[in-house]
Amino acid sequence: DCGSYRVVEAFTDNRVRVFFPGKPCESVRSILKSNGFRWSPDAGAWQRMYQGSVVQWLTHEDGYLHKQLTQASAA
């Protein structure tokens, strides 16, 4: 499922990581890339520098990225 993901705040690395159960669909990857996320093979996750608002965007039902990822996975 493209819309299923887990958010981890990696404070020691100053990163926010997003884990998916498999490879996310192209539309989800495009949204992540356009919002500053990059694939990290070492972490096995999509990550970007930590910023508090990013966590809210990803985890809150009305969060900006959460809405985009949910719409992209439904398409």
PDB file of N, CA and C in Angstrom:
ATOM      1  N   ASP A   1       0.846  -1.198   0.000  1.00  0.00           N
ATOM      2  CA  ASP A   1       0.000   0.000   0.000  1.00  0.00           C
ATOM      3  C   ASP A   1       0.880   1.245   0.000  1.00  0.00           C
ATOM      4  N   CYS A   2       0.734   2.067  -0.988  1.00  0.00           N
ATOM      5  CA  CYS A   2       1.547   3.282  -1.100  1.00  0.00           C
ATOM      6  C   CYS A   2       1.291   4.272   0.025  1.00  0.00           C
ATOM      7  N   GLY A   3       0.106   4.288   0.563  1.00  0.00           N
ATOM      8  CA  GLY A   3      -0.222   5.275   1.595  1.00  0.00           C
ATOM      9  C   GLY A   3       0.152   4.870   2.998  1.00  0.00           C
ATOM     10  N   SER A   4       0.632   3.657   3.180  1.00  0.00           N
ATOM     11  CA  SER A   4       0.998   3.175   4.507  1.00  0.00           C
ATOM     12  C   SER A   4       2.460   3.503   4.770  1.00  0.00           C
ATOM     13  N   TYR A   5       2.720   4.259   5.833  1.00  0.00           N
ATOM     14  CA  TYR A   5       4.096   4.612   6.151  1.00  0.00           C
ATOM     15  C   TYR A   5       4.249   4.847   7.654  1.00  0.00           C
ATOM     16  N   ARG A   6       5.522   4.852   8.090  1.00  0.00           N
ATOM     17  CA  ARG A   6       5.854   5.075   9.498  1.00  0.00           C
ATOM     18  C   ARG A   6       6.888   6.191   9.547  1.00  0.00           C
ATOM     19  N   VAL A   7       6.683   7.152  10.442  1.00  0.00           N
ATOM     20  CA  VAL A   7       7.576   8.292  10.584  1.00  0.00           C
ATOM     21  C   VAL A   7       8.419   8.118  11.834  1.00  0.00           C
ATOM     22  N   VAL A   8       9.743   8.304  11.681  1.00  0.00           N
ATOM     23  CA  VAL A   8      10.660   8.191  12.811  1.00  0.00           C
ATOM     24  C   VAL A   8      11.481   9.469  12.893  1.00  0.00           C
ATOM     25  N   GLU A   9      11.539  10.040  14.081  1.00  0.00           N
ATOM     26  CA  GLU A   9      12.365  11.209  14.314  1.00  0.00           C
ATOM     27  C   GLU A   9      13.726  10.720  14.814  1.00  0.00           C
ATOM     28  N   ALA A  10      14.752  10.873  14.006  1.00  0.00           N
ATOM     29  CA  ALA A  10      16.108  10.427  14.357  1.00  0.00           C
ATOM     30  C   ALA A  10      16.882  11.652  14.856  1.00  0.00           C
ATOM     31  N   PHE A  11      16.698  11.970  16.129  1.00  0.00           N
ATOM     32  CA  PHE A  11      17.279  13.186  16.686  1.00  0.00           C
ATOM     33  C   PHE A  11      18.805  13.186  16.638  1.00  0.00           C
ATOM     34  N   THR A  12      19.424  12.045  16.880  1.00  0.00           N
ATOM     35  CA  THR A  12      20.890  11.999  16.899  1.00  0.00           C
ATOM     36  C   THR A  12      21.487  12.305  15.526  1.00  0.00           C
ATOM     37  N   ASP A  13      20.759  12.006  14.463  1.00  0.00           N
ATOM     38  CA  ASP A  13      21.218  12.289  13.097  1.00  0.00           C
ATOM     39  C   ASP A  13      20.601  13.562  12.533  1.00  0.00           C
ATOM     40  N   ASN A  14      19.729  14.203  13.327  1.00  0.00           N
ATOM     41  CA  ASN A  14      19.010  15.400  12.884  1.00  0.00           C
ATOM     42  C   ASN A  14      18.227  15.134  11.600  1.00  0.00           C
ATOM     43  N   ARG A  15      17.524  13.997  11.567  1.00  0.00           N
ATOM     44  CA  ARG A  15      16.763  13.581  10.387  1.00  0.00           C
ATOM     45  C   ARG A  15      15.349  13.152  10.761  1.00  0.00           C
ATOM     46  N   VAL A  16      14.467  13.284   9.802  1.00  0.00           N
ATOM     47  CA  VAL A  16      13.131  12.688   9.864  1.00  0.00           C
ATOM     48  C   VAL A  16      13.145  11.602   8.805  1.00  0.00           C
ATOM     49  N   ARG A  17      12.764  10.391   9.194  1.00  0.00           N
ATOM     50  CA  ARG A  17      12.771   9.266   8.261  1.00  0.00           C
ATOM     51  C   ARG A  17      11.364   8.733   8.065  1.00  0.00           C
ATOM     52  N   VAL A  18      11.079   8.365   6.821  1.00  0.00           N
ATOM     53  CA  VAL A  18       9.782   7.801   6.474  1.00  0.00           C
ATOM     54  C   VAL A  18      10.034   6.405   5.915  1.00  0.00           C
ATOM     55  N   PHE A  19       9.425   5.421   6.577  1.00  0.00           N
ATOM     56  CA  PHE A  19       9.561   4.020   6.180  1.00  0.00           C
ATOM     57  C   PHE A  19       8.262   3.545   5.540  1.00  0.00           C
ATOM     58  N   PHE A  20       8.382   2.824   4.442  1.00  0.00           N
ATOM     59  CA  PHE A  20       7.246   2.225   3.754  1.00  0.00           C
ATOM     60  C   PHE A  20       7.418   0.712   3.800  1.00  0.00           C
ATOM     61  N   PRO A  21       6.326  -0.048   3.740  1.00  0.00           N
ATOM     62  CA  PRO A  21       6.439  -1.511   3.770  1.00  0.00           C
ATOM     63  C   PRO A  21       7.105  -2.081   2.511  1.00  0.00           C
ATOM     64  N   GLY A  22       7.146  -1.325   1.455  1.00  0.00           N
ATOM     65  CA  GLY A  22       7.781  -1.719   0.198  1.00  0.00           C
ATOM     66  C   GLY A  22       8.153  -0.460  -0.553  1.00  0.00           C
ATOM     67  N   LYS A  23       8.460  -0.597  -1.815  1.00  0.00           N
ATOM     68  CA  LYS A  23       8.797   0.576  -2.619  1.00  0.00           C
ATOM     69  C   LYS A  23       7.521   1.374  -2.887  1.00  0.00           C
ATOM     70  N   PRO A  24       7.504   2.659  -2.495  1.00  0.00           N
ATOM     71  CA  PRO A  24       6.297   3.453  -2.744  1.00  0.00           C
ATOM     72  C   PRO A  24       6.113   3.725  -4.239  1.00  0.00           C
ATOM     73  N   CYS A  25       4.873   3.954  -4.629  1.00  0.00           N
ATOM     74  CA  CYS A  25       4.576   4.218  -6.032  1.00  0.00           C
ATOM     75  C   CYS A  25       5.235   5.527  -6.482  1.00  0.00           C
ATOM     76  N   GLU A  26       5.336   5.697  -7.784  1.00  0.00           N
ATOM     77  CA  GLU A  26       6.032   6.851  -8.363  1.00  0.00           C
ATOM     78  C   GLU A  26       5.462   8.181  -7.877  1.00  0.00           C
ATOM     79  N   SER A  27       4.150   8.281  -7.779  1.00  0.00           N
ATOM     80  CA  SER A  27       3.554   9.557  -7.351  1.00  0.00           C
ATOM     81  C   SER A  27       3.956   9.898  -5.920  1.00  0.00           C
ATOM     82  N   VAL A  28       4.044   8.907  -5.056  1.00  0.00           N
ATOM     83  CA  VAL A  28       4.459   9.137  -3.672  1.00  0.00           C
ATOM     84  C   VAL A  28       5.936   9.525  -3.633  1.00  0.00           C
ATOM     85  N   ARG A  29       6.762   8.850  -4.413  1.00  0.00           N
ATOM     86  CA  ARG A  29       8.191   9.197  -4.461  1.00  0.00           C
ATOM     87  C   ARG A  29       8.383  10.623  -4.962  1.00  0.00           C
ATOM     88  N   SER A  30       7.608  11.035  -5.940  1.00  0.00           N
ATOM     89  CA  SER A  30       7.699  12.401  -6.467  1.00  0.00           C
ATOM     90  C   SER A  30       7.337  13.438  -5.403  1.00  0.00           C
ATOM     91  N   ILE A  31       6.314  13.151  -4.636  1.00  0.00           N
ATOM     92  CA  ILE A  31       5.904  14.064  -3.556  1.00  0.00           C
ATOM     93  C   ILE A  31       7.012  14.166  -2.513  1.00  0.00           C
ATOM     94  N   LEU A  32       7.567  13.034  -2.132  1.00  0.00           N
ATOM     95  CA  LEU A  32       8.657  13.052  -1.153  1.00  0.00           C
ATOM     96  C   LEU A  32       9.842  13.866  -1.672  1.00  0.00           C
ATOM     97  N   LYS A  33      10.257  13.613  -2.909  1.00  0.00           N
ATOM     98  CA  LYS A  33      11.397  14.323  -3.492  1.00  0.00           C
ATOM     99  C   LYS A  33      11.140  15.826  -3.546  1.00  0.00           C
ATOM    100  N   SER A  34       9.937  16.216  -3.950  1.00  0.00           N
ATOM    101  CA  SER A  34       9.633  17.641  -4.075  1.00  0.00           C
ATOM    102  C   SER A  34       9.548  18.338  -2.719  1.00  0.00           C
ATOM    103  N   ASN A  35       9.508  17.559  -1.644  1.00  0.00           N
ATOM    104  CA  ASN A  35       9.477  18.122  -0.301  1.00  0.00           C
ATOM    105  C   ASN A  35      10.780  17.889   0.455  1.00  0.00           C
ATOM    106  N   GLY A  36      11.845  17.647  -0.295  1.00  0.00           N
ATOM    107  CA  GLY A  36      13.172  17.579   0.303  1.00  0.00           C
ATOM    108  C   GLY A  36      13.618  16.228   0.817  1.00  0.00           C
ATOM    109  N   PHE A  37      12.831  15.190   0.624  1.00  0.00           N
ATOM    110  CA  PHE A  37      13.221  13.851   1.069  1.00  0.00           C
ATOM    111  C   PHE A  37      14.086  13.182   0.011  1.00  0.00           C
ATOM    112  N   ARG A  38      15.052  12.416   0.468  1.00  0.00           N
ATOM    113  CA  ARG A  38      15.917  11.634  -0.409  1.00  0.00           C
ATOM    114  C   ARG A  38      15.994  10.215   0.130  1.00  0.00           C
ATOM    115  N   TRP A  39      16.146   9.255  -0.773  1.00  0.00           N
ATOM    116  CA  TRP A  39      16.259   7.857  -0.374  1.00  0.00           C
ATOM    117  C   TRP A  39      17.619   7.629   0.271  1.00  0.00           C
ATOM    118  N   SER A  40      17.625   6.983   1.430  1.00  0.00           N
ATOM    119  CA  SER A  40      18.864   6.629   2.116  1.00  0.00           C
ATOM    120  C   SER A  40      18.961   5.110   2.192  1.00  0.00           C
ATOM    121  N   PRO A  41      19.816   4.501   1.365  1.00  0.00           N
ATOM    122  CA  PRO A  41      19.972   3.045   1.425  1.00  0.00           C
ATOM    123  C   PRO A  41      20.468   2.577   2.795  1.00  0.00           C
ATOM    124  N   ASP A  42      21.335   3.378   3.429  1.00  0.00           N
ATOM    125  CA  ASP A  42      21.858   3.002   4.742  1.00  0.00           C
ATOM    126  C   ASP A  42      20.742   2.913   5.787  1.00  0.00           C
ATOM    127  N   ALA A  43      19.819   3.863   5.749  1.00  0.00           N
ATOM    128  CA  ALA A  43      18.714   3.882   6.716  1.00  0.00           C
ATOM    129  C   ALA A  43      17.542   3.025   6.243  1.00  0.00           C
ATOM    130  N   GLY A  44      17.489   2.740   4.943  1.00  0.00           N
ATOM    131  CA  GLY A  44      16.355   2.001   4.393  1.00  0.00           C
ATOM    132  C   GLY A  44      15.075   2.812   4.447  1.00  0.00           C
ATOM    133  N   ALA A  45      15.236   4.137   4.313  1.00  0.00           N
ATOM    134  CA  ALA A  45      14.094   5.036   4.455  1.00  0.00           C
ATOM    135  C   ALA A  45      14.295   6.281   3.609  1.00  0.00           C
ATOM    136  N   TRP A  46      13.207   7.004   3.407  1.00  0.00           N
ATOM    137  CA  TRP A  46      13.256   8.326   2.818  1.00  0.00           C
ATOM    138  C   TRP A  46      13.506   9.278   3.976  1.00  0.00           C
ATOM    139  N   GLN A  47      14.455  10.201   3.816  1.00  0.00           N
ATOM    140  CA  GLN A  47      14.773  11.085   4.925  1.00  0.00           C
ATOM    141  C   GLN A  47      15.101  12.499   4.461  1.00  0.00           C
ATOM    142  N   ARG A  48      15.014  13.421   5.407  1.00  0.00           N
ATOM    143  CA  ARG A  48      15.415  14.805   5.196  1.00  0.00           C
ATOM    144  C   ARG A  48      15.837  15.379   6.534  1.00  0.00           C
ATOM    145  N   MET A  49      16.422  16.551   6.512  1.00  0.00           N
ATOM    146  CA  MET A  49      16.831  17.208   7.755  1.00  0.00           C
ATOM    147  C   MET A  49      15.603  17.404   8.641  1.00  0.00           C
ATOM    148  N   TYR A  50      15.829  17.289   9.944  1.00  0.00           N
ATOM    149  CA  TYR A  50      14.731  17.426  10.902  1.00  0.00           C
ATOM    150  C   TYR A  50      14.227  18.854  10.935  1.00  0.00           C
ATOM    151  N   GLN A  51      12.930  18.968  10.899  1.00  0.00           N
ATOM    152  CA  GLN A  51      12.224  20.238  11.083  1.00  0.00           C
ATOM    153  C   GLN A  51      10.886  19.858  11.680  1.00  0.00           C
ATOM    154  N   GLY A  52      10.552  20.425  12.820  1.00  0.00           N
ATOM    155  CA  GLY A  52       9.344  20.044  13.545  1.00  0.00           C
ATOM    156  C   GLY A  52       8.084  20.028  12.707  1.00  0.00           C
ATOM    157  N   SER A  53       7.947  20.999  11.819  1.00  0.00           N
ATOM    158  CA  SER A  53       6.721  21.074  11.019  1.00  0.00           C
ATOM    159  C   SER A  53       6.588  19.891  10.065  1.00  0.00           C
ATOM    160  N   VAL A  54       7.712  19.312   9.624  1.00  0.00           N
ATOM    161  CA  VAL A  54       7.660  18.166   8.717  1.00  0.00           C
ATOM    162  C   VAL A  54       6.981  16.988   9.391  1.00  0.00           C
ATOM    163  N   VAL A  55       7.287  16.770  10.663  1.00  0.00           N
ATOM    164  CA  VAL A  55       6.671  15.662  11.399  1.00  0.00           C
ATOM    165  C   VAL A  55       5.162  15.871  11.469  1.00  0.00           C
ATOM    166  N   GLN A  56       4.731  17.090  11.737  1.00  0.00           N
ATOM    167  CA  GLN A  56       3.296  17.370  11.774  1.00  0.00           C
ATOM    168  C   GLN A  56       2.667  17.193  10.399  1.00  0.00           C
ATOM    169  N   TRP A  57       3.347  17.625   9.353  1.00  0.00           N
ATOM    170  CA  TRP A  57       2.831  17.460   7.984  1.00  0.00           C
ATOM    171  C   TRP A  57       2.604  15.996   7.658  1.00  0.00           C
ATOM    172  N   LEU A  58       3.468  15.124   8.194  1.00  0.00           N
ATOM    173  CA  LEU A  58       3.398  13.700   7.878  1.00  0.00           C
ATOM    174  C   LEU A  58       2.456  12.917   8.792  1.00  0.00           C
ATOM    175  N   THR A  59       2.324  13.329  10.026  1.00  0.00           N
ATOM    176  CA  THR A  59       1.601  12.507  10.997  1.00  0.00           C
ATOM    177  C   THR A  59       0.181  12.974  11.309  1.00  0.00           C
ATOM    178  N   HIS A  60      -0.116  14.227  11.103  1.00  0.00           N
ATOM    179  CA  HIS A  60      -1.463  14.717  11.411  1.00  0.00           C
ATOM    180  C   HIS A  60      -2.384  14.491  10.222  1.00  0.00           C
ATOM    181  N   GLU A  61      -3.594  14.090  10.511  1.00  0.00           N
ATOM    182  CA  GLU A  61      -4.557  13.785   9.451  1.00  0.00           C
ATOM    183  C   GLU A  61      -4.752  14.949   8.493  1.00  0.00           C
ATOM    184  N   ASP A  62      -4.685  16.175   9.019  1.00  0.00           N
ATOM    185  CA  ASP A  62      -4.843  17.345   8.151  1.00  0.00           C
ATOM    186  C   ASP A  62      -3.495  17.929   7.739  1.00  0.00           C
ATOM    187  N   GLY A  63      -2.417  17.192   7.968  1.00  0.00           N
ATOM    188  CA  GLY A  63      -1.083  17.648   7.606  1.00  0.00           C
ATOM    189  C   GLY A  63      -0.884  17.705   6.093  1.00  0.00           C
ATOM    190  N   TYR A  64      -0.133  18.680   5.663  1.00  0.00           N
ATOM    191  CA  TYR A  64       0.107  18.932   4.236  1.00  0.00           C
ATOM    192  C   TYR A  64       0.604  17.685   3.505  1.00  0.00           C
ATOM    193  N   LEU A  65       1.689  17.074   3.955  1.00  0.00           N
ATOM    194  CA  LEU A  65       2.234  15.897   3.276  1.00  0.00           C
ATOM    195  C   LEU A  65       1.348  14.674   3.459  1.00  0.00           C
ATOM    196  N   HIS A  66       0.744  14.534   4.607  1.00  0.00           N
ATOM    197  CA  HIS A  66      -0.152  13.396   4.838  1.00  0.00           C
ATOM    198  C   HIS A  66      -1.283  13.406   3.812  1.00  0.00           C
ATOM    199  N   LYS A  67      -1.864  14.570   3.588  1.00  0.00           N
ATOM    200  CA  LYS A  67      -2.949  14.690   2.608  1.00  0.00           C
ATOM    201  C   LYS A  67      -2.455  14.348   1.205  1.00  0.00           C
ATOM    202  N   GLN A  68      -1.284  14.876   0.840  1.00  0.00           N
ATOM    203  CA  GLN A  68      -0.740  14.616  -0.491  1.00  0.00           C
ATOM    204  C   GLN A  68      -0.449  13.130  -0.693  1.00  0.00           C
ATOM    205  N   LEU A  69       0.158  12.495   0.300  1.00  0.00           N
ATOM    206  CA  LEU A  69       0.500  11.077   0.177  1.00  0.00           C
ATOM    207  C   LEU A  69      -0.760  10.216   0.118  1.00  0.00           C
ATOM    208  N   THR A  70      -1.758  10.576   0.888  1.00  0.00           N
ATOM    209  CA  THR A  70      -3.019   9.822   0.879  1.00  0.00           C
ATOM    210  C   THR A  70      -3.715   9.946  -0.471  1.00  0.00           C
ATOM    211  N   GLN A  71      -3.753  11.155  -1.036  1.00  0.00           N
ATOM    212  CA  GLN A  71      -4.375  11.355  -2.347  1.00  0.00           C
ATOM    213  C   GLN A  71      -3.609  10.620  -3.432  1.00  0.00           C
ATOM    214  N   ALA A  72      -2.294  10.652  -3.372  1.00  0.00           N
ATOM    215  CA  ALA A  72      -1.472   9.998  -4.392  1.00  0.00           C
ATOM    216  C   ALA A  72      -1.646   8.483  -4.349  1.00  0.00           C
ATOM    217  N   SER A  73      -1.764   7.938  -3.168  1.00  0.00           N
ATOM    218  CA  SER A  73      -1.895   6.478  -3.055  1.00  0.00           C
ATOM    219  C   SER A  73      -3.289   6.012  -3.471  1.00  0.00           C
ATOM    220  N   ALA A  74      -4.285   6.910  -3.400  1.00  0.00           N
ATOM    221  CA  ALA A  74      -5.645   6.547  -3.793  1.00  0.00           C
ATOM    222  C   ALA A  74      -5.839   6.620  -5.307  1.00  0.00           C
ATOM    223  N   ALA A  75      -4.953   7.362  -5.965  1.00  0.00           N
ATOM    224  CA  ALA A  75      -5.096   7.549  -7.426  1.00  0.00           C
ATOM    225  C   ALA A  75      -4.695   6.335  -8.212  1.00  0.00           C
TER     226      ALA A  75
END
